[in-house]
Amino acid sequence: MDHLHTTDHRLTDLEIKSSYAEDLLDTLNQTVFRQQAQIEMLLREVRALRRQGAAASGLHPHQDELPPHY
């Protein structure tokens, strides 16, 4: 009978740990989703700023880069 109680207790502990792990995974997934959205927004802003800077200076955005054969 004691063995049955120990097994039941261990199973309950595993279910609790699984529940915490599942919650942590959901939280991490939400964090990654928000960070990806922020990265995409920042990339759009950087592209817009580059275009604004190029337009203000009258340069093509890649005009100051060396050609590939250098």
PDB file of N, CA and C in Angstrom:
ATOM      1  N   MET A   1       0.822  -1.196   0.000  1.00  0.00           N
ATOM      2  CA  MET A   1       0.000   0.000   0.000  1.00  0.00           C
ATOM      3  C   MET A   1       0.871   1.267   0.000  1.00  0.00           C
ATOM      4  N   ASP A   2       1.980   1.222   0.716  1.00  0.00           N
ATOM      5  CA  ASP A   2       2.881   2.374   0.774  1.00  0.00           C
ATOM      6  C   ASP A   2       3.478   2.672  -0.603  1.00  0.00           C
ATOM      7  N   HIS A   3       3.760   1.605  -1.349  1.00  0.00           N
ATOM      8  CA  HIS A   3       4.296   1.764  -2.706  1.00  0.00           C
ATOM      9  C   HIS A   3       3.295   2.506  -3.598  1.00  0.00           C
ATOM     10  N   LEU A   4       2.019   2.189  -3.453  1.00  0.00           N
ATOM     11  CA  LEU A   4       0.965   2.846  -4.224  1.00  0.00           C
ATOM     12  C   LEU A   4       0.885   4.332  -3.872  1.00  0.00           C
ATOM     13  N   HIS A   5       1.012   4.653  -2.602  1.00  0.00           N
ATOM     14  CA  HIS A   5       0.982   6.050  -2.148  1.00  0.00           C
ATOM     15  C   HIS A   5       2.187   6.814  -2.704  1.00  0.00           C
ATOM     16  N   THR A   6       3.370   6.195  -2.683  1.00  0.00           N
ATOM     17  CA  THR A   6       4.590   6.829  -3.201  1.00  0.00           C
ATOM     18  C   THR A   6       4.465   7.081  -4.696  1.00  0.00           C
ATOM     19  N   THR A   7       3.954   6.108  -5.427  1.00  0.00           N
ATOM     20  CA  THR A   7       3.771   6.248  -6.872  1.00  0.00           C
ATOM     21  C   THR A   7       2.774   7.361  -7.179  1.00  0.00           C
ATOM     22  N   ASP A   8       1.684   7.401  -6.416  1.00  0.00           N
ATOM     23  CA  ASP A   8       0.679   8.443  -6.610  1.00  0.00           C
ATOM     24  C   ASP A   8       1.271   9.830  -6.324  1.00  0.00           C
ATOM     25  N   HIS A   9       2.072   9.919  -5.278  1.00  0.00           N
ATOM     26  CA  HIS A   9       2.712  11.192  -4.928  1.00  0.00           C
ATOM     27  C   HIS A   9       3.689  11.631  -6.024  1.00  0.00           C
ATOM     28  N   ARG A  10       4.473  10.688  -6.533  1.00  0.00           N
ATOM     29  CA  ARG A  10       5.430  11.021  -7.601  1.00  0.00           C
ATOM     30  C   ARG A  10       4.704  11.451  -8.867  1.00  0.00           C
ATOM     31  N   LEU A  11       3.598  10.780  -9.172  1.00  0.00           N
ATOM     32  CA  LEU A  11       2.818  11.143 -10.350  1.00  0.00           C
ATOM     33  C   LEU A  11       2.235  12.550 -10.202  1.00  0.00           C
ATOM     34  N   THR A  12       1.753  12.875  -9.021  1.00  0.00           N
ATOM     35  CA  THR A  12       1.226  14.220  -8.761  1.00  0.00           C
ATOM     36  C   THR A  12       2.327  15.261  -8.920  1.00  0.00           C
ATOM     37  N   ASP A  13       3.524  14.967  -8.388  1.00  0.00           N
ATOM     38  CA  ASP A  13       4.651  15.891  -8.537  1.00  0.00           C
ATOM     39  C   ASP A  13       5.000  16.111 -10.010  1.00  0.00           C
ATOM     40  N   LEU A  14       4.988  15.034 -10.789  1.00  0.00           N
ATOM     41  CA  LEU A  14       5.287  15.158 -12.221  1.00  0.00           C
ATOM     42  C   LEU A  14       4.225  15.987 -12.946  1.00  0.00           C
ATOM     43  N   GLU A  15       2.972  15.810 -12.583  1.00  0.00           N
ATOM     44  CA  GLU A  15       1.905  16.598 -13.193  1.00  0.00           C
ATOM     45  C   GLU A  15       2.065  18.078 -12.860  1.00  0.00           C
ATOM     46  N   ILE A  16       2.451  18.380 -11.624  1.00  0.00           N
ATOM     47  CA  ILE A  16       2.670  19.775 -11.233  1.00  0.00           C
ATOM     48  C   ILE A  16       3.833  20.365 -12.020  1.00  0.00           C
ATOM     49  N   LYS A  17       4.939  19.612 -12.106  1.00  0.00           N
ATOM     50  CA  LYS A  17       6.103  20.100 -12.854  1.00  0.00           C
ATOM     51  C   LYS A  17       5.759  20.292 -14.333  1.00  0.00           C
ATOM     52  N   SER A  18       4.983  19.377 -14.873  1.00  0.00           N
ATOM     53  CA  SER A  18       4.573  19.488 -16.270  1.00  0.00           C
ATOM     54  C   SER A  18       3.721  20.739 -16.474  1.00  0.00           C
ATOM     55  N   SER A  19       2.852  21.016 -15.540  1.00  0.00           N
ATOM     56  CA  SER A  19       2.007  22.199 -15.631  1.00  0.00           C
ATOM     57  C   SER A  19       2.846  23.475 -15.604  1.00  0.00           C
ATOM     58  N   TYR A  20       3.832  23.523 -14.704  1.00  0.00           N
ATOM     59  CA  TYR A  20       4.718  24.691 -14.649  1.00  0.00           C
ATOM     60  C   TYR A  20       5.531  24.826 -15.933  1.00  0.00           C
ATOM     61  N   ALA A  21       6.014  23.703 -16.456  1.00  0.00           N
ATOM     62  CA  ALA A  21       6.790  23.741 -17.701  1.00  0.00           C
ATOM     63  C   ALA A  21       5.931  24.220 -18.867  1.00  0.00           C
ATOM     64  N   GLU A  22       4.692  23.776 -18.920  1.00  0.00           N
ATOM     65  CA  GLU A  22       3.781  24.205 -19.976  1.00  0.00           C
ATOM     66  C   GLU A  22       3.498  25.704 -19.881  1.00  0.00           C
ATOM     67  N   ASP A  23       3.306  26.195 -18.668  1.00  0.00           N
ATOM     68  CA  ASP A  23       3.077  27.625 -18.464  1.00  0.00           C
ATOM     69  C   ASP A  23       4.303  28.438 -18.873  1.00  0.00           C
ATOM     70  N   LEU A  24       5.483  27.948 -18.499  1.00  0.00           N
ATOM     71  CA  LEU A  24       6.720  28.634 -18.873  1.00  0.00           C
ATOM     72  C   LEU A  24       6.879  28.659 -20.390  1.00  0.00           C
ATOM     73  N   LEU A  25       6.581  27.556 -21.050  1.00  0.00           N
ATOM     74  CA  LEU A  25       6.681  27.496 -22.503  1.00  0.00           C
ATOM     75  C   LEU A  25       5.726  28.483 -23.168  1.00  0.00           C
ATOM     76  N   ASP A  26       4.510  28.572 -22.665  1.00  0.00           N
ATOM     77  CA  ASP A  26       3.552  29.545 -23.200  1.00  0.00           C
ATOM     78  C   ASP A  26       4.062  30.971 -23.019  1.00  0.00           C
ATOM     79  N   THR A  27       4.610  31.263 -21.841  1.00  0.00           N
ATOM     80  CA  THR A  27       5.150  32.598 -21.571  1.00  0.00           C
ATOM     81  C   THR A  27       6.310  32.912 -22.506  1.00  0.00           C
ATOM     82  N   LEU A  28       7.201  31.952 -22.695  1.00  0.00           N
ATOM     83  CA  LEU A  28       8.340  32.159 -23.598  1.00  0.00           C
ATOM     84  C   LEU A  28       7.885  32.344 -25.040  1.00  0.00           C
ATOM     85  N   ASN A  29       6.894  31.583 -25.462  1.00  0.00           N
ATOM     86  CA  ASN A  29       6.363  31.738 -26.822  1.00  0.00           C
ATOM     87  C   ASN A  29       5.771  33.130 -27.029  1.00  0.00           C
ATOM     88  N   GLN A  30       5.055  33.633 -26.034  1.00  0.00           N
ATOM     89  CA  GLN A  30       4.490  34.984 -26.127  1.00  0.00           C
ATOM     90  C   GLN A  30       5.605  36.027 -26.193  1.00  0.00           C
ATOM     91  N   THR A  31       6.657  35.810 -25.405  1.00  0.00           N
ATOM     92  CA  THR A  31       7.788  36.743 -25.411  1.00  0.00           C
ATOM     93  C   THR A  31       8.470  36.756 -26.772  1.00  0.00           C
ATOM     94  N   VAL A  32       8.708  35.592 -27.336  1.00  0.00           N
ATOM     95  CA  VAL A  32       9.347  35.506 -28.653  1.00  0.00           C
ATOM     96  C   VAL A  32       8.465  36.156 -29.715  1.00  0.00           C
ATOM     97  N   PHE A  33       7.159  35.940 -29.631  1.00  0.00           N
ATOM     98  CA  PHE A  33       6.234  36.544 -30.584  1.00  0.00           C
ATOM     99  C   PHE A  33       6.309  38.071 -30.512  1.00  0.00           C
ATOM    100  N   ARG A  34       6.279  38.626 -29.290  1.00  0.00           N
ATOM    101  CA  ARG A  34       6.363  40.092 -29.130  1.00  0.00           C
ATOM    102  C   ARG A  34       7.711  40.627 -29.608  1.00  0.00           C
ATOM    103  N   GLN A  35       8.785  39.906 -29.290  1.00  0.00           N
ATOM    104  CA  GLN A  35      10.110  40.361 -29.726  1.00  0.00           C
ATOM    105  C   GLN A  35      10.227  40.336 -31.241  1.00  0.00           C
ATOM    106  N   GLN A  36       9.671  39.334 -31.885  1.00  0.00           N
ATOM    107  CA  GLN A  36       9.719  39.275 -33.352  1.00  0.00           C
ATOM    108  C   GLN A  36       8.961  40.450 -33.955  1.00  0.00           C
ATOM    109  N   ALA A  37       7.826  40.794 -33.374  1.00  0.00           N
ATOM    110  CA  ALA A  37       7.063  41.944 -33.863  1.00  0.00           C
ATOM    111  C   ALA A  37       7.867  43.224 -33.678  1.00  0.00           C
ATOM    112  N   GLN A  38       8.570  43.347 -32.554  1.00  0.00           N
ATOM    113  CA  GLN A  38       9.390  44.532 -32.313  1.00  0.00           C
ATOM    114  C   GLN A  38      10.554  44.598 -33.297  1.00  0.00           C
ATOM    115  N   ILE A  39      11.174  43.462 -33.565  1.00  0.00           N
ATOM    116  CA  ILE A  39      12.283  43.418 -34.524  1.00  0.00           C
ATOM    117  C   ILE A  39      11.810  43.859 -35.899  1.00  0.00           C
ATOM    118  N   GLU A  40      10.671  43.346 -36.328  1.00  0.00           N
ATOM    119  CA  GLU A  40      10.139  43.720 -37.639  1.00  0.00           C
ATOM    120  C   GLU A  40       9.819  45.211 -37.699  1.00  0.00           C
ATOM    121  N   MET A  41       9.263  45.772 -36.620  1.00  0.00           N
ATOM    122  CA  MET A  41       8.969  47.197 -36.580  1.00  0.00           C
ATOM    123  C   MET A  41      10.264  48.013 -36.654  1.00  0.00           C
ATOM    124  N   LEU A  42      11.284  47.599 -35.897  1.00  0.00           N
ATOM    125  CA  LEU A  42      12.556  48.312 -35.904  1.00  0.00           C
ATOM    126  C   LEU A  42      13.228  48.238 -37.275  1.00  0.00           C
ATOM    127  N   LEU A  43      13.137  47.101 -37.933  1.00  0.00           N
ATOM    128  CA  LEU A  43      13.704  46.989 -39.283  1.00  0.00           C
ATOM    129  C   LEU A  43      13.006  47.933 -40.261  1.00  0.00           C
ATOM    130  N   ARG A  44      11.684  48.031 -40.154  1.00  0.00           N
ATOM    131  CA  ARG A  44      10.955  48.977 -41.017  1.00  0.00           C
ATOM    132  C   ARG A  44      11.412  50.406 -40.733  1.00  0.00           C
ATOM    133  N   GLU A  45      11.583  50.742 -39.457  1.00  0.00           N
ATOM    134  CA  GLU A  45      12.016  52.097 -39.103  1.00  0.00           C
ATOM    135  C   GLU A  45      13.421  52.384 -39.615  1.00  0.00           C
ATOM    136  N   VAL A  46      14.317  51.406 -39.511  1.00  0.00           N
ATOM    137  CA  VAL A  46      15.692  51.597 -39.995  1.00  0.00           C
ATOM    138  C   VAL A  46      15.679  51.808 -41.508  1.00  0.00           C
ATOM    139  N   ARG A  47      14.897  51.004 -42.216  1.00  0.00           N
ATOM    140  CA  ARG A  47      14.805  51.190 -43.680  1.00  0.00           C
ATOM    141  C   ARG A  47      14.277  52.578 -44.033  1.00  0.00           C
ATOM    142  N   ALA A  48      13.262  53.029 -43.306  1.00  0.00           N
ATOM    143  CA  ALA A  48      12.694  54.349 -43.569  1.00  0.00           C
ATOM    144  C   ALA A  48      13.724  55.441 -43.280  1.00  0.00           C
ATOM    145  N   LEU A  49      14.459  55.298 -42.195  1.00  0.00           N
ATOM    146  CA  LEU A  49      15.483  56.297 -41.869  1.00  0.00           C
ATOM    147  C   LEU A  49      16.600  56.308 -42.911  1.00  0.00           C
ATOM    148  N   ARG A  50      16.967  55.138 -43.401  1.00  0.00           N
ATOM    149  CA  ARG A  50      17.993  55.082 -44.455  1.00  0.00           C
ATOM    150  C   ARG A  50      17.503  55.787 -45.714  1.00  0.00           C
ATOM    151  N   ARG A  51      16.231  55.539 -46.065  1.00  0.00           N
ATOM    152  CA  ARG A  51      15.682  56.210 -47.251  1.00  0.00           C
ATOM    153  C   ARG A  51      15.649  57.724 -47.041  1.00  0.00           C
ATOM    154  N   GLN A  52      15.248  58.160 -45.872  1.00  0.00           N
ATOM    155  CA  GLN A  52      15.201  59.594 -45.575  1.00  0.00           C
ATOM    156  C   GLN A  52      16.595  60.201 -45.651  1.00  0.00           C
ATOM    157  N   GLY A  53      17.573  59.496 -45.083  1.00  0.00           N
ATOM    158  CA  GLY A  53      18.950  60.004 -45.117  1.00  0.00           C
ATOM    159  C   GLY A  53      19.491  60.061 -46.523  1.00  0.00           C
ATOM    160  N   ALA A  54      19.205  59.052 -47.317  1.00  0.00           N
ATOM    161  CA  ALA A  54      19.675  59.029 -48.698  1.00  0.00           C
ATOM    162  C   ALA A  54      18.993  60.121 -49.504  1.00  0.00           C
ATOM    163  N   ALA A  55      17.702  60.318 -49.270  1.00  0.00           N
ATOM    164  CA  ALA A  55      16.976  61.357 -50.003  1.00  0.00           C
ATOM    165  C   ALA A  55      17.488  62.739 -49.613  1.00  0.00           C
ATOM    166  N   ALA A  56      17.793  62.934 -48.342  1.00  0.00           N
ATOM    167  CA  ALA A  56      18.279  64.242 -47.885  1.00  0.00           C
ATOM    168  C   ALA A  56      19.664  64.542 -48.426  1.00  0.00           C
ATOM    169  N   SER A  57      20.491  63.508 -48.585  1.00  0.00           N
ATOM    170  CA  SER A  57      21.850  63.736 -49.078  1.00  0.00           C
ATOM    171  C   SER A  57      21.936  63.647 -50.591  1.00  0.00           C
ATOM    172  N   GLY A  58      20.886  63.187 -51.225  1.00  0.00           N
ATOM    173  CA  GLY A  58      20.883  63.061 -52.672  1.00  0.00           C
ATOM    174  C   GLY A  58      21.648  61.845 -53.154  1.00  0.00           C
ATOM    175  N   LEU A  59      22.008  60.956 -52.258  1.00  0.00           N
ATOM    176  CA  LEU A  59      22.772  59.760 -52.616  1.00  0.00           C
ATOM    177  C   LEU A  59      21.854  58.555 -52.729  1.00  0.00           C
ATOM    178  N   HIS A  60      22.285  57.638 -53.534  1.00  0.00           N
ATOM    179  CA  HIS A  60      21.637  56.327 -53.573  1.00  0.00           C
ATOM    180  C   HIS A  60      22.058  55.614 -52.282  1.00  0.00           C
ATOM    181  N   PRO A  61      21.198  54.839 -51.643  1.00  0.00           N
ATOM    182  CA  PRO A  61      21.540  54.208 -50.363  1.00  0.00           C
ATOM    183  C   PRO A  61      22.828  53.383 -50.380  1.00  0.00           C
ATOM    184  N   HIS A  62      23.195  52.812 -51.518  1.00  0.00           N
ATOM    185  CA  HIS A  62      24.395  51.977 -51.586  1.00  0.00           C
ATOM    186  C   HIS A  62      25.502  52.653 -52.402  1.00  0.00           C
ATOM    187  N   GLN A  63      25.393  53.929 -52.655  1.00  0.00           N
ATOM    188  CA  GLN A  63      26.331  54.628 -53.521  1.00  0.00           C
ATOM    189  C   GLN A  63      27.731  54.678 -52.912  1.00  0.00           C
ATOM    190  N   ASP A  64      27.847  54.707 -51.586  1.00  0.00           N
ATOM    191  CA  ASP A  64      29.161  54.831 -50.963  1.00  0.00           C
ATOM    192  C   ASP A  64      29.827  53.482 -50.723  1.00  0.00           C
ATOM    193  N   GLU A  65      29.198  52.387 -51.108  1.00  0.00           N
ATOM    194  CA  GLU A  65      29.788  51.060 -50.942  1.00  0.00           C
ATOM    195  C   GLU A  65      30.719  50.743 -52.113  1.00  0.00           C
ATOM    196  N   LEU A  66      31.744  49.943 -51.825  1.00  0.00           N
ATOM    197  CA  LEU A  66      32.652  49.532 -52.895  1.00  0.00           C
ATOM    198  C   LEU A  66      31.976  48.508 -53.785  1.00  0.00           C
ATOM    199  N   PRO A  67      32.303  48.516 -55.067  1.00  0.00           N
ATOM    200  CA  PRO A  67      31.758  47.504 -55.973  1.00  0.00           C
ATOM    201  C   PRO A  67      32.233  46.108 -55.531  1.00  0.00           C
ATOM    202  N   PRO A  68      31.518  45.068 -55.943  1.00  0.00           N
ATOM    203  CA  PRO A  68      31.860  43.705 -55.510  1.00  0.00           C
ATOM    204  C   PRO A  68      33.245  43.227 -55.924  1.00  0.00           C
ATOM    205  N   HIS A  69      33.826  43.801 -56.970  1.00  0.00           N
ATOM    206  CA  HIS A  69      35.119  43.291 -57.433  1.00  0.00           C
ATOM    207  C   HIS A  69      36.274  43.824 -56.605  1.00  0.00           C
ATOM    208  N   TYR A  70      36.063  44.679 -55.616  1.00  0.00           N
ATOM    209  CA  TYR A  70      37.165  45.189 -54.791  1.00  0.00           C
ATOM    210  C   TYR A  70      37.437  44.276 -53.670  1.00  0.00           C
TER     211      TYR A  70
END
